[in-house]
């Protein structure tokens, strides 16, 4: 397997992972943000703490996803530029 193909595969996987990563906190948030019918003050306080924690995780996962997307995009660009230069060198 050539380096260009490996970079392309890794870049695409990183881009897919960067799209999926921010979805994880939404799964947690969907369950904890449902209001109770008659909540006690303790339940409301715990719910607010859980929602704030989910929002912090979303911010963290979004930052990590942005970094993964940049690295994946760089790998894809490297793969395409290396592939084109190799074709030009070999007359393909």
N, C-alpha and C. Protein backbone atom coordinates (compact mmCIF):
# COMPACT_ATOMS: atom_id res chain seq x y z
N UNK A 1 0.86 -1.17 0.00
CA UNK A 1 0.00 0.00 0.00
C UNK A 1 0.90 1.23 0.00
N UNK A 2 0.65 2.13 -0.90
CA UNK A 2 1.47 3.34 -1.00
C UNK A 2 1.11 4.32 0.11
N UNK A 3 2.03 5.26 0.31
CA UNK A 3 1.79 6.27 1.35
C UNK A 3 0.60 7.16 1.02
N UNK A 4 0.42 7.43 -0.27
CA UNK A 4 -0.71 8.27 -0.68
C UNK A 4 -2.04 7.58 -0.38
N UNK A 5 -2.11 6.30 -0.65
CA UNK A 5 -3.36 5.57 -0.39
C UNK A 5 -3.60 5.46 1.11
N UNK A 6 -2.54 5.23 1.88
CA UNK A 6 -2.67 5.16 3.33
C UNK A 6 -3.11 6.51 3.90
N UNK A 7 -2.55 7.59 3.39
CA UNK A 7 -2.94 8.93 3.84
C UNK A 7 -4.39 9.21 3.48
N UNK A 8 -4.81 8.77 2.31
CA UNK A 8 -6.19 8.99 1.90
C UNK A 8 -7.15 8.21 2.80
N UNK A 9 -6.83 6.98 3.08
CA UNK A 9 -7.67 6.16 3.95
C UNK A 9 -7.75 6.74 5.35
N UNK A 10 -6.59 7.10 5.90
CA UNK A 10 -6.56 7.68 7.24
C UNK A 10 -7.30 9.01 7.28
N UNK A 11 -7.14 9.83 6.24
CA UNK A 11 -7.82 11.12 6.19
C UNK A 11 -9.33 10.98 6.15
N UNK A 12 -9.81 10.05 5.35
CA UNK A 12 -11.26 9.84 5.26
C UNK A 12 -11.80 9.32 6.59
N UNK A 13 -11.08 8.39 7.22
CA UNK A 13 -11.52 7.89 8.53
C UNK A 13 -11.53 8.99 9.59
N UNK A 14 -10.53 9.85 9.57
CA UNK A 14 -10.50 10.95 10.53
C UNK A 14 -11.64 11.94 10.28
N UNK A 15 -11.96 12.20 9.02
CA UNK A 15 -13.06 13.10 8.71
C UNK A 15 -14.40 12.51 9.17
N UNK A 16 -14.58 11.21 8.97
CA UNK A 16 -15.81 10.56 9.42
C UNK A 16 -15.90 10.60 10.94
N UNK A 17 -14.78 10.31 11.61
CA UNK A 17 -14.77 10.34 13.08
C UNK A 17 -15.05 11.75 13.59
N UNK A 18 -14.53 12.76 12.90
CA UNK A 18 -14.78 14.13 13.35
C UNK A 18 -16.24 14.53 13.18
N UNK A 19 -16.94 13.91 12.25
CA UNK A 19 -18.37 14.19 12.09
C UNK A 19 -19.20 13.46 13.13
N UNK A 20 -18.76 12.28 13.54
CA UNK A 20 -19.54 11.47 14.48
C UNK A 20 -19.31 11.85 15.94
N UNK A 21 -18.12 12.35 16.26
CA UNK A 21 -17.76 12.62 17.65
C UNK A 21 -18.69 13.61 18.36
N UNK A 22 -19.07 14.72 17.76
CA UNK A 22 -19.97 15.65 18.47
C UNK A 22 -21.38 15.09 18.70
N UNK A 23 -21.74 14.00 18.05
CA UNK A 23 -23.07 13.42 18.26
C UNK A 23 -23.19 12.70 19.59
N UNK A 24 -22.09 12.26 20.18
CA UNK A 24 -22.13 11.50 21.43
C UNK A 24 -22.76 12.26 22.59
N UNK A 25 -22.40 13.52 22.85
CA UNK A 25 -23.04 14.21 23.97
C UNK A 25 -24.54 14.45 23.76
N UNK A 26 -24.98 14.51 22.51
CA UNK A 26 -26.41 14.71 22.27
C UNK A 26 -27.21 13.50 22.72
N UNK A 27 -26.61 12.32 22.64
CA UNK A 27 -27.31 11.13 23.12
C UNK A 27 -27.50 11.19 24.63
N UNK A 28 -26.47 11.66 25.34
CA UNK A 28 -26.60 11.83 26.79
C UNK A 28 -27.60 12.94 27.13
N UNK A 29 -27.51 14.03 26.39
CA UNK A 29 -28.35 15.19 26.68
C UNK A 29 -29.82 14.91 26.42
N UNK A 30 -30.12 14.06 25.46
CA UNK A 30 -31.52 13.78 25.16
C UNK A 30 -32.22 13.07 26.31
N UNK A 31 -31.49 12.25 27.05
CA UNK A 31 -32.10 11.55 28.17
C UNK A 31 -32.21 12.38 29.43
N UNK A 32 -31.23 13.26 29.67
CA UNK A 32 -31.23 14.01 30.92
C UNK A 32 -31.98 15.33 30.83
N UNK A 33 -32.35 15.77 29.65
CA UNK A 33 -33.01 17.06 29.54
C UNK A 33 -34.54 16.95 29.55
N UNK A 34 -35.05 15.74 29.64
CA UNK A 34 -36.51 15.57 29.69
C UNK A 34 -37.02 16.06 31.04
N UNK A 35 -38.00 16.95 31.05
CA UNK A 35 -38.49 17.46 32.34
C UNK A 35 -39.36 16.43 33.06
N UNK A 36 -39.29 16.48 34.35
CA UNK A 36 -40.15 15.62 35.19
C UNK A 36 -41.51 16.30 35.35
N UNK A 37 -42.51 15.51 35.69
CA UNK A 37 -43.85 16.07 35.81
C UNK A 37 -43.97 16.94 37.06
N UNK A 38 -43.46 16.47 38.18
CA UNK A 38 -43.50 17.23 39.43
C UNK A 38 -42.13 17.13 40.11
N UNK A 39 -41.14 17.88 39.62
CA UNK A 39 -39.78 17.70 40.15
C UNK A 39 -39.59 18.36 41.51
N UNK A 40 -38.74 17.75 42.29
CA UNK A 40 -38.33 18.35 43.56
C UNK A 40 -37.17 19.30 43.27
N UNK A 41 -36.86 20.21 44.18
CA UNK A 41 -35.72 21.11 43.95
C UNK A 41 -34.40 20.36 43.78
N UNK A 42 -34.26 19.25 44.49
CA UNK A 42 -33.03 18.45 44.35
C UNK A 42 -32.92 17.85 42.95
N UNK A 43 -34.05 17.39 42.42
CA UNK A 43 -34.06 16.82 41.08
C UNK A 43 -33.72 17.89 40.04
N UNK A 44 -34.27 19.09 40.22
CA UNK A 44 -33.97 20.18 39.29
C UNK A 44 -32.49 20.57 39.35
N UNK A 45 -31.94 20.57 40.55
CA UNK A 45 -30.52 20.91 40.70
C UNK A 45 -29.63 19.85 40.04
N UNK A 46 -29.95 18.59 40.26
CA UNK A 46 -29.17 17.52 39.65
C UNK A 46 -29.30 17.56 38.13
N UNK A 47 -30.50 17.84 37.63
CA UNK A 47 -30.70 17.94 36.20
C UNK A 47 -29.89 19.09 35.60
N UNK A 48 -29.86 20.22 36.27
CA UNK A 48 -29.08 21.36 35.79
C UNK A 48 -27.59 21.04 35.76
N UNK A 49 -27.11 20.32 36.77
CA UNK A 49 -25.69 19.93 36.81
C UNK A 49 -25.38 18.96 35.67
N UNK A 50 -26.28 18.00 35.42
CA UNK A 50 -26.07 17.03 34.34
C UNK A 50 -26.07 17.71 32.98
N UNK A 51 -26.96 18.67 32.79
CA UNK A 51 -27.02 19.37 31.51
C UNK A 51 -25.77 20.22 31.30
N UNK A 52 -25.29 20.88 32.36
CA UNK A 52 -24.06 21.68 32.25
C UNK A 52 -22.87 20.79 31.92
N UNK A 53 -22.81 19.60 32.51
CA UNK A 53 -21.71 18.67 32.21
C UNK A 53 -21.79 18.19 30.76
N UNK A 54 -23.00 17.94 30.27
CA UNK A 54 -23.16 17.52 28.88
C UNK A 54 -22.75 18.64 27.92
N UNK A 55 -23.04 19.87 28.27
CA UNK A 55 -22.63 20.99 27.43
C UNK A 55 -21.11 21.14 27.40
N UNK A 56 -20.46 20.92 28.54
CA UNK A 56 -18.98 20.97 28.56
C UNK A 56 -18.39 19.85 27.71
N UNK A 57 -18.99 18.64 27.79
CA UNK A 57 -18.50 17.54 26.95
C UNK A 57 -18.69 17.85 25.48
N UNK A 58 -19.81 18.48 25.15
CA UNK A 58 -20.04 18.86 23.75
C UNK A 58 -18.99 19.84 23.27
N UNK A 59 -18.64 20.81 24.08
CA UNK A 59 -17.60 21.77 23.70
C UNK A 59 -16.26 21.07 23.52
N UNK A 60 -15.93 20.16 24.43
CA UNK A 60 -14.67 19.43 24.34
C UNK A 60 -14.64 18.53 23.11
N UNK A 61 -15.71 17.79 22.88
CA UNK A 61 -15.77 16.90 21.72
C UNK A 61 -15.75 17.69 20.41
N UNK A 62 -16.35 18.87 20.41
CA UNK A 62 -16.33 19.69 19.21
C UNK A 62 -14.92 20.19 18.91
N UNK A 63 -14.17 20.55 19.94
CA UNK A 63 -12.79 20.98 19.73
C UNK A 63 -11.94 19.83 19.22
N UNK A 64 -12.12 18.65 19.79
CA UNK A 64 -11.37 17.47 19.33
C UNK A 64 -11.76 17.13 17.89
N UNK A 65 -13.05 17.23 17.59
CA UNK A 65 -13.52 16.94 16.23
C UNK A 65 -12.94 17.94 15.22
N UNK A 66 -12.82 19.18 15.61
CA UNK A 66 -12.20 20.18 14.73
C UNK A 66 -10.75 19.85 14.44
N UNK A 67 -10.02 19.43 15.47
CA UNK A 67 -8.61 19.05 15.27
C UNK A 67 -8.51 17.81 14.38
N UNK A 68 -9.38 16.83 14.61
CA UNK A 68 -9.36 15.63 13.76
C UNK A 68 -9.70 15.97 12.31
N UNK A 69 -10.64 16.89 12.13
CA UNK A 69 -11.02 17.28 10.77
C UNK A 69 -9.87 17.97 10.05
N UNK A 70 -9.14 18.81 10.76
CA UNK A 70 -7.99 19.49 10.14
C UNK A 70 -6.91 18.48 9.77
N UNK A 71 -6.62 17.54 10.66
CA UNK A 71 -5.61 16.52 10.37
C UNK A 71 -6.07 15.63 9.22
N UNK A 72 -7.35 15.24 9.23
CA UNK A 72 -7.88 14.41 8.15
C UNK A 72 -7.86 15.13 6.81
N UNK A 73 -8.20 16.40 6.81
CA UNK A 73 -8.16 17.18 5.57
C UNK A 73 -6.74 17.33 5.06
N UNK A 74 -5.80 17.53 5.97
CA UNK A 74 -4.39 17.61 5.56
C UNK A 74 -3.93 16.29 4.96
N UNK A 75 -4.36 15.17 5.51
CA UNK A 75 -3.98 13.87 4.98
C UNK A 75 -4.57 13.64 3.59
N UNK A 76 -5.82 14.05 3.40
CA UNK A 76 -6.45 13.90 2.09
C UNK A 76 -5.76 14.78 1.05
N UNK A 77 -5.44 16.01 1.42
CA UNK A 77 -4.74 16.90 0.50
C UNK A 77 -3.37 16.34 0.15
N UNK A 78 -2.65 15.82 1.16
CA UNK A 78 -1.35 15.20 0.90
C UNK A 78 -1.49 14.03 -0.07
N UNK A 79 -2.53 13.21 0.13
CA UNK A 79 -2.72 12.04 -0.73
C UNK A 79 -2.97 12.46 -2.17
N UNK A 80 -3.81 13.48 -2.36
CA UNK A 80 -4.11 13.89 -3.73
C UNK A 80 -2.92 14.58 -4.39
N UNK A 81 -2.18 15.40 -3.66
CA UNK A 81 -1.03 16.06 -4.28
C UNK A 81 0.08 15.05 -4.56
N UNK A 82 0.29 14.10 -3.68
CA UNK A 82 1.32 13.10 -3.90
C UNK A 82 0.93 12.18 -5.05
N UNK A 83 -0.33 11.88 -5.14
CA UNK A 83 -0.81 11.02 -6.22
C UNK A 83 -0.65 11.70 -7.58
N UNK A 84 -0.95 12.99 -7.64
CA UNK A 84 -0.82 13.73 -8.90
C UNK A 84 0.64 13.87 -9.30
N UNK A 85 1.52 14.15 -8.34
CA UNK A 85 2.93 14.30 -8.69
C UNK A 85 3.52 12.97 -9.14
N UNK A 86 3.09 11.87 -8.57
CA UNK A 86 3.59 10.56 -8.99
C UNK A 86 3.11 10.23 -10.39
N UNK A 87 1.88 10.61 -10.70
CA UNK A 87 1.37 10.38 -12.05
C UNK A 87 2.16 11.20 -13.08
N UNK A 88 2.50 12.43 -12.71
CA UNK A 88 3.26 13.29 -13.63
C UNK A 88 4.67 12.74 -13.83
N UNK A 89 5.25 12.19 -12.77
CA UNK A 89 6.60 11.63 -12.89
C UNK A 89 6.63 10.39 -13.76
N UNK A 90 5.59 9.61 -13.72
CA UNK A 90 5.54 8.35 -14.47
C UNK A 90 4.84 8.49 -15.81
N UNK A 91 4.33 9.65 -16.12
CA UNK A 91 3.66 9.87 -17.39
C UNK A 91 2.29 9.23 -17.47
N UNK A 92 1.64 9.04 -16.35
CA UNK A 92 0.32 8.41 -16.34
C UNK A 92 -0.75 9.47 -16.48
